[in-house]
């Protein structure tokens, strides 16, 4: 009897292994996006994380296990070259046969321009929507046509899914949008120059908008379903559940921030405008324009003046960066300090990381202000 049970168990394990083998190998750039993909794949498979938690995505050296995950990937999700310019060439070299989904180019994503000034005005959030005529009304549409649409945009025959994406850029007149001042000399594997900074570029921290996260959950489900039609129902159901969770989370965060509305705060680097816009909770300025460069003395002087003029009560640091810079900015003020982290460096990677990341941003602000 025990031998029969053992045989059945062995057969079941073989069947499970076969089913698992049919699930695509998925690689994802950063923890917040990895969390979204993990939410959509829940109960089906697990994606691999490329940029280790706590590391800066702007410059990174792949570990062997991460390079191996890219090399074995059937599907790669990433924000785009503005955030991880080095990953463009890594994908071309290691994942040349994979379908590549650049999420910041997903239809319906709102992009905001980079802010160069140290000081922010309450209503300086210009934005672009990649599918403005449809807005976010199509988030819940996840039938077969939607999946086929994403298959067409991200299939193996379209130069890793980039060809249609760059056609999409041309249609909106921002084919040079992948500009970032810290990476002037970078050229991507799609042949487009991602350097310069002619138009100010676009802020790549788009995952900090829950509206964009809703769009991306659906885009992730569509791309996975195109690769793995047998599990399409599970992917779309998980994406729908994830979007519903974000609706509830938004209400929770608004309640947290309502307690301190009207207070002024300064962030360490300008990474949070998507969060600011989503919750109508604007920062007064940023000590540094990016996490890749130290602020100039003139910029620090501007921030110190703003702290005094607007009675700024909170200056947010970040866990990865020199606290001495924040201390010098705070010199002579009575402002409090707190910690904000746009990547979730201290959180366990997985499906729960993204909502906890947004929740932590709101809690950190409320406790500091």
Protein backbone atom coordinates (compact mmCIF):
# COMPACT_ATOMS: atom_id res chain seq x y z
CA UNK A 1 0.00 0.00 0.00
CA UNK A 2 2.78 2.40 0.92
CA UNK A 3 4.56 1.52 -2.33
CA UNK A 4 1.44 2.45 -4.32
CA UNK A 5 1.18 5.71 -2.43
CA UNK A 6 4.83 6.40 -3.14
CA UNK A 7 4.26 5.71 -6.85
CA UNK A 8 1.27 8.05 -6.93
CA UNK A 9 3.28 10.70 -5.13
CA UNK A 10 6.13 10.34 -7.63
CA UNK A 11 3.71 10.61 -10.56
CA UNK A 12 2.11 13.69 -9.05
CA UNK A 13 5.49 15.31 -8.61
CA UNK A 14 6.31 14.63 -12.25
CA UNK A 15 3.03 16.20 -13.34
CA UNK A 16 3.68 19.20 -11.11
CA UNK A 17 7.15 19.56 -12.56
CA UNK A 18 5.73 19.46 -16.08
CA UNK A 19 3.17 22.13 -15.23
CA UNK A 20 5.84 24.31 -13.65
CA UNK A 21 8.07 23.92 -16.70
CA UNK A 22 5.31 25.47 -18.84
CA UNK A 23 5.27 28.65 -16.77
CA UNK A 24 7.53 31.28 -18.36
CA UNK A 25 10.78 32.29 -16.68
CA UNK A 26 10.33 35.93 -15.73
CA UNK A 27 13.00 38.48 -14.76
CA UNK A 28 12.16 41.89 -13.28
CA UNK A 29 14.37 44.93 -12.70
CA UNK A 30 13.52 46.46 -9.29
CA UNK A 31 11.71 45.35 -6.13
CA UNK A 32 8.50 47.42 -6.52
CA UNK A 33 7.92 46.15 -10.07
CA UNK A 34 8.95 42.63 -9.02
CA UNK A 35 6.23 42.88 -6.37
CA UNK A 36 3.59 43.70 -9.00
CA UNK A 37 4.71 40.81 -11.18
CA UNK A 38 4.75 38.47 -8.18
CA UNK A 39 1.18 39.55 -7.38
CA UNK A 40 0.03 38.72 -10.90
CA UNK A 41 1.91 35.38 -10.91
CA UNK A 42 0.69 34.37 -7.44
CA UNK A 43 -0.19 30.67 -7.35
CA UNK A 44 1.36 30.10 -10.78
CA UNK A 45 5.07 30.93 -10.55
CA UNK A 46 7.65 33.30 -9.12
CA UNK A 47 9.64 35.99 -10.96
CA UNK A 48 13.35 36.60 -10.45
CA UNK A 49 14.59 39.96 -9.14
CA UNK A 50 17.53 41.48 -11.01
CA UNK A 51 18.54 44.50 -8.90
CA UNK A 52 19.10 43.43 -5.31
CA UNK A 53 17.09 45.24 -2.65
CA UNK A 54 18.97 48.19 -1.18
CA UNK A 55 21.05 48.80 -4.32
CA UNK A 56 20.76 51.85 -6.54
CA UNK A 57 19.16 50.89 -9.86
CA UNK A 58 21.00 53.63 -11.77
CA UNK A 59 24.36 51.86 -11.58
CA UNK A 60 24.64 48.18 -10.79
CA UNK A 61 26.90 45.19 -11.36
CA UNK A 62 25.01 41.98 -11.97
CA UNK A 63 25.78 39.03 -9.76
CA UNK A 64 26.11 35.65 -11.50
CA UNK A 65 22.68 34.51 -10.29
CA UNK A 66 21.06 37.68 -11.64
CA UNK A 67 22.82 37.38 -14.98
CA UNK A 68 21.66 33.77 -15.12
CA UNK A 69 18.06 34.82 -14.44
CA UNK A 70 18.23 37.24 -17.38
CA UNK A 71 19.82 34.63 -19.60
CA UNK A 72 17.06 32.12 -18.83
CA UNK A 73 14.21 34.62 -19.07
CA UNK A 74 11.33 34.17 -21.47
CA UNK A 75 9.89 37.48 -20.36
CA UNK A 76 11.57 40.59 -18.90
CA UNK A 77 9.72 43.42 -17.16
CA UNK A 78 11.51 46.67 -16.49
CA UNK A 79 10.63 50.33 -15.95
CA UNK A 80 12.89 51.47 -18.78
CA UNK A 81 16.34 52.85 -19.60
CA UNK A 82 15.83 56.18 -17.81
CA UNK A 83 15.95 54.28 -14.52
CA UNK A 84 18.37 51.46 -15.35
CA UNK A 85 20.39 52.52 -18.44
CA UNK A 86 22.95 49.73 -17.94
CA UNK A 87 20.19 47.11 -18.14
CA UNK A 88 19.43 47.97 -21.77
CA UNK A 89 22.70 46.42 -22.92
CA UNK A 90 22.42 43.55 -20.43
CA UNK A 91 19.03 42.60 -21.84
CA UNK A 92 20.38 42.76 -25.40
CA UNK A 93 23.32 40.55 -24.48
CA UNK A 94 21.77 38.06 -22.07
CA UNK A 95 18.06 38.00 -22.93
CA UNK A 96 18.13 38.44 -26.69
CA UNK A 97 15.35 35.88 -27.24
CA UNK A 98 13.10 37.12 -24.44
CA UNK A 99 10.00 39.25 -24.77
CA UNK A 100 10.79 42.60 -23.14
CA UNK A 101 8.11 44.82 -21.61
CA UNK A 102 9.11 48.41 -20.87
CA UNK A 103 6.38 49.32 -18.40
CA UNK A 104 6.76 53.08 -18.52
CA UNK A 105 5.71 52.77 -22.17
CA UNK A 106 2.54 50.80 -21.34
CA UNK A 107 -0.56 52.48 -22.70
CA UNK A 108 -2.31 54.50 -20.02
CA UNK A 109 0.85 55.21 -18.02
CA UNK A 110 1.18 58.80 -16.82
CA UNK A 111 4.68 60.24 -17.15
CA UNK A 112 5.87 63.39 -15.44
CA UNK A 113 8.78 65.58 -16.59
CA UNK A 114 11.96 65.77 -14.57
CA UNK A 115 12.06 68.71 -12.17
CA UNK A 116 15.43 70.47 -12.30
CA UNK A 117 14.78 73.17 -9.72
CA UNK A 118 15.58 72.67 -6.04
CA UNK A 119 12.25 74.29 -5.13
CA UNK A 120 8.82 73.00 -6.13
CA UNK A 121 5.61 74.89 -6.63
CA UNK A 122 2.31 73.27 -5.57
CA UNK A 123 0.96 72.85 -9.10
CA UNK A 124 4.00 72.30 -11.31
CA UNK A 125 3.08 68.71 -12.19
CA UNK A 126 2.76 68.62 -15.95
CA UNK A 127 2.09 65.09 -17.21
CA UNK A 128 1.60 62.92 -20.24
CA UNK A 129 -0.69 59.94 -20.58
CA UNK A 130 0.34 57.32 -23.17
CA UNK A 131 -3.33 56.59 -23.89
CA UNK A 132 -5.02 59.85 -22.95
CA UNK A 133 -8.09 59.22 -25.07
CA UNK A 134 -8.79 56.07 -23.06
CA UNK A 135 -7.45 57.26 -19.70
CA UNK A 136 -7.76 54.59 -17.02
CA UNK A 137 -11.23 53.46 -18.05
CA UNK A 138 -9.85 50.36 -19.73
CA UNK A 139 -8.13 48.90 -16.66
CA UNK A 140 -10.78 46.30 -16.16
CA UNK A 141 -10.91 45.17 -19.75
CA UNK A 142 -8.97 41.93 -19.86
CA UNK A 143 -10.52 39.77 -22.52
CA UNK A 144 -8.74 37.89 -25.27
CA UNK A 145 -8.41 40.95 -27.50
CA UNK A 146 -6.48 42.75 -24.78
CA UNK A 147 -4.10 39.84 -24.32
CA UNK A 148 -3.58 39.57 -28.09
CA UNK A 149 -2.87 43.30 -28.23
CA UNK A 150 -0.06 42.93 -25.75
CA UNK A 151 1.23 39.86 -27.56
CA UNK A 152 1.50 41.96 -30.69
CA UNK A 153 3.37 44.69 -28.87
CA UNK A 154 5.77 42.49 -26.94
CA UNK A 155 6.28 39.38 -29.04
CA UNK A 156 9.56 37.70 -29.95
CA UNK A 157 9.34 38.93 -33.55
CA UNK A 158 9.36 42.62 -32.63
CA UNK A 159 12.97 43.14 -31.57
CA UNK A 160 12.28 42.17 -27.95
CA UNK A 161 9.02 44.09 -27.92
CA UNK A 162 10.86 47.39 -28.43
CA UNK A 163 9.93 48.07 -32.03
CA UNK A 164 6.27 48.76 -31.40
CA UNK A 165 7.08 50.59 -28.22
CA UNK A 166 9.34 53.02 -30.05
CA UNK A 167 6.73 53.46 -32.77
CA UNK A 168 4.44 54.42 -29.93
CA UNK A 169 6.99 56.96 -28.76
CA UNK A 170 7.15 58.51 -32.21
CA UNK A 171 3.37 58.87 -32.33
CA UNK A 172 3.47 60.95 -29.18
CA UNK A 173 6.43 63.05 -30.23
CA UNK A 174 8.81 62.03 -27.49
CA UNK A 175 11.20 59.59 -29.09
CA UNK A 176 14.04 61.24 -27.21
CA UNK A 177 12.35 60.94 -23.85
CA UNK A 178 14.92 58.54 -22.46
CA UNK A 179 17.24 61.34 -21.45
CA UNK A 180 18.97 61.40 -18.12
CA UNK A 181 21.63 63.88 -17.14
CA UNK A 182 23.73 61.30 -15.30
CA UNK A 183 24.01 59.03 -18.35
CA UNK A 184 24.92 61.31 -21.28
CA UNK A 185 26.90 58.70 -23.15
CA UNK A 186 24.51 55.78 -23.00
CA UNK A 187 23.12 54.28 -26.18
CA UNK A 188 20.56 51.50 -25.91
CA UNK A 189 20.39 48.22 -27.80
CA UNK A 190 17.37 49.42 -29.76
CA UNK A 191 19.58 51.94 -31.54
CA UNK A 192 18.05 54.99 -29.84
CA UNK A 193 20.25 57.42 -28.01
CA UNK A 194 19.20 57.51 -24.36
CA UNK A 195 21.65 60.25 -23.50
CA UNK A 196 21.51 64.02 -23.54
CA UNK A 197 18.99 65.93 -21.53
CA UNK A 198 17.65 68.20 -24.23
CA UNK A 199 14.01 68.16 -23.18
CA UNK A 200 14.46 67.73 -19.45
CA UNK A 201 13.55 64.05 -19.80
CA UNK A 202 10.88 62.17 -17.89
CA UNK A 203 10.93 61.13 -14.27
CA UNK A 204 11.33 57.33 -14.23
CA UNK A 205 9.93 56.79 -10.69
CA UNK A 206 6.50 56.13 -12.17
CA UNK A 207 5.76 53.11 -9.95
CA UNK A 208 5.08 55.49 -7.04
CA UNK A 209 1.75 56.37 -8.63
CA UNK A 210 -0.93 53.80 -7.71
CA UNK A 211 -2.74 54.79 -10.92
CA UNK A 212 0.29 53.69 -12.92
CA UNK A 213 0.52 50.52 -10.82
CA UNK A 214 -3.05 49.67 -11.83
CA UNK A 215 -2.12 50.12 -15.49
CA UNK A 216 1.01 48.03 -15.05
CA UNK A 217 -0.78 45.16 -13.31
CA UNK A 218 -2.99 44.81 -16.34
CA UNK A 219 -0.06 45.13 -18.76
CA UNK A 220 1.82 42.45 -16.79
CA UNK A 221 -1.19 40.12 -16.91
CA UNK A 222 -1.55 40.64 -20.67
CA UNK A 223 2.13 39.93 -21.37
CA UNK A 224 2.13 36.82 -19.16
CA UNK A 225 -1.09 35.58 -20.75
CA UNK A 226 0.37 35.96 -24.23
CA UNK A 227 3.30 33.79 -23.15
CA UNK A 228 1.24 31.36 -21.08
CA UNK A 229 -2.39 31.21 -22.29
CA UNK A 230 -3.20 28.23 -20.08
CA UNK A 231 -2.82 30.41 -16.99
CA UNK A 232 -4.34 33.59 -18.44
CA UNK A 233 -7.38 33.35 -16.19
CA UNK A 234 -5.21 33.24 -13.09
CA UNK A 235 -3.06 36.15 -14.26
CA UNK A 236 -6.03 38.40 -14.97
CA UNK A 237 -7.82 37.41 -11.77
CA UNK A 238 -4.69 38.22 -9.75
CA UNK A 239 -4.28 41.55 -11.54
CA UNK A 240 -7.90 42.45 -10.81
CA UNK A 241 -7.44 41.53 -7.14
CA UNK A 242 -4.26 43.59 -7.02
CA UNK A 243 -6.03 46.63 -8.45
CA UNK A 244 -8.85 46.27 -5.92
CA UNK A 245 -6.26 46.16 -3.14
CA UNK A 246 -4.75 49.40 -4.45
CA UNK A 247 -8.15 51.12 -4.32
CA UNK A 248 -8.44 50.21 -0.65
CA UNK A 249 -4.83 51.21 -0.03
CA UNK A 250 -5.41 54.62 -1.60
CA UNK A 251 -8.24 55.28 0.87
CA UNK A 252 -6.01 54.18 3.76
CA UNK A 253 -3.12 56.43 2.65
CA UNK A 254 -5.37 59.44 2.14
CA UNK A 255 -6.63 58.98 5.70
CA UNK A 256 -3.04 58.87 6.96
CA UNK A 257 -2.01 62.01 5.08
CA UNK A 258 -5.19 63.94 5.89
CA UNK A 259 -3.90 64.26 9.45
CA UNK A 260 -0.92 66.37 8.32
CA UNK A 261 -2.14 68.17 5.20
CA UNK A 262 -0.86 71.71 4.92
CA UNK A 263 2.51 70.90 6.48
CA UNK A 264 5.63 71.43 4.36
CA UNK A 265 8.42 68.92 3.80
CA UNK A 266 11.64 68.54 1.82
CA UNK A 267 12.74 65.24 0.23
CA UNK A 268 16.30 64.03 -0.19
CA UNK A 269 16.14 63.51 -3.94
CA UNK A 270 13.42 64.22 -6.44
CA UNK A 271 11.89 60.76 -6.67
CA UNK A 272 8.43 61.24 -5.19
CA UNK A 273 6.44 63.51 -7.47
CA UNK A 274 4.23 60.63 -8.68
CA UNK A 275 3.29 59.93 -5.06
CA UNK A 276 2.87 63.67 -4.41
CA UNK A 277 0.53 64.06 -7.38
CA UNK A 278 -1.47 60.90 -6.64
CA UNK A 279 -2.29 62.06 -3.12
CA UNK A 280 -2.21 65.84 -3.68
CA UNK A 281 0.55 66.14 -1.11
CA UNK A 282 3.33 68.22 -2.69
CA UNK A 283 6.88 68.50 -1.40
CA UNK A 284 8.44 71.94 -1.10
CA UNK A 285 11.72 70.92 -2.70
CA UNK A 286 14.47 68.32 -3.04
CA UNK A 287 18.00 68.49 -1.69
CA UNK A 288 19.37 66.65 -4.74
CA UNK A 289 18.01 66.36 -8.27
CA UNK A 290 18.94 62.68 -8.35
CA UNK A 291 20.44 59.97 -6.20
CA UNK A 292 23.49 59.87 -8.47
CA UNK A 293 24.90 63.28 -7.63
CA UNK A 294 25.57 65.42 -4.56
CA UNK A 295 23.78 68.77 -4.34
CA UNK A 296 25.75 71.94 -5.07
CA UNK A 297 26.31 74.54 -2.32
CA UNK A 298 23.95 76.87 -4.19
CA UNK A 299 21.21 74.25 -4.18
CA UNK A 300 21.67 73.61 -0.46
CA UNK A 301 21.42 77.37 0.16
CA UNK A 302 18.15 77.48 -1.82
CA UNK A 303 16.72 74.64 0.26
CA UNK A 304 17.78 76.30 3.52
CA UNK A 305 16.02 79.50 2.45
CA UNK A 306 12.88 77.55 1.58
CA UNK A 307 12.94 75.81 4.97
CA UNK A 308 12.94 79.18 6.72
CA UNK A 309 10.41 80.89 4.44
CA UNK A 310 7.82 78.08 4.41
CA UNK A 311 8.36 76.91 7.97
CA UNK A 312 9.27 73.44 6.68
CA UNK A 313 8.72 70.99 9.51
CA UNK A 314 10.20 67.81 8.02
CA UNK A 315 13.24 66.88 5.94
CA UNK A 316 13.22 63.33 4.61
CA UNK A 317 16.44 61.36 4.19
CA UNK A 318 16.91 58.04 2.41
CA UNK A 319 18.53 54.91 3.84
CA UNK A 320 21.17 54.53 1.11
CA UNK A 321 22.60 58.06 1.23
CA UNK A 322 24.86 60.24 3.32
CA UNK A 323 22.93 61.57 6.35
CA UNK A 324 25.54 64.30 6.70
CA UNK A 325 24.01 66.13 3.73
CA UNK A 326 20.62 66.23 5.46
CA UNK A 327 22.29 67.42 8.68
CA UNK A 328 23.97 70.31 6.87
CA UNK A 329 20.68 71.32 5.25
CA UNK A 330 18.91 71.24 8.63
CA UNK A 331 21.56 73.35 10.34
CA UNK A 332 19.88 76.18 12.21
CA UNK A 333 16.33 74.90 11.70
CA UNK A 334 13.95 73.13 14.04
CA UNK A 335 12.68 70.74 11.39
CA UNK A 336 12.31 67.05 12.15
CA UNK A 337 13.84 64.35 10.02
CA UNK A 338 12.43 61.07 8.78
CA UNK A 339 13.27 58.39 6.23
CA UNK A 340 11.56 57.75 2.90
CA UNK A 341 12.54 54.91 0.61
CA UNK A 342 11.20 54.70 -2.97
CA UNK A 343 12.49 51.14 -3.47
CA UNK A 344 11.54 49.28 -0.28
CA UNK A 345 15.13 48.44 0.63
CA UNK A 346 14.16 47.06 4.03
CA UNK A 347 11.17 45.05 2.82
CA UNK A 348 11.04 41.39 1.86
CA UNK A 349 10.72 41.02 -1.93
CA UNK A 350 7.40 39.60 -3.02
CA UNK A 351 3.78 40.40 -3.72
CA UNK A 352 3.29 42.38 -0.50
CA UNK A 353 6.26 44.71 -0.98
CA UNK A 354 4.62 47.29 -3.26
CA UNK A 355 1.57 48.11 -1.16
CA UNK A 356 3.71 48.17 1.97
CA UNK A 357 6.15 50.53 0.23
CA UNK A 358 3.39 53.07 -0.48
CA UNK A 359 1.99 52.65 3.03
CA UNK A 360 5.45 53.27 4.51
CA UNK A 361 5.91 56.48 2.51
CA UNK A 362 2.67 57.88 3.93
CA UNK A 363 3.42 56.71 7.47
CA UNK A 364 6.93 58.18 7.39
CA UNK A 365 5.56 61.54 6.30
CA UNK A 366 2.78 61.56 8.87
CA UNK A 367 5.16 60.69 11.70
CA UNK A 368 7.71 63.32 10.67
CA UNK A 369 5.38 66.25 9.99
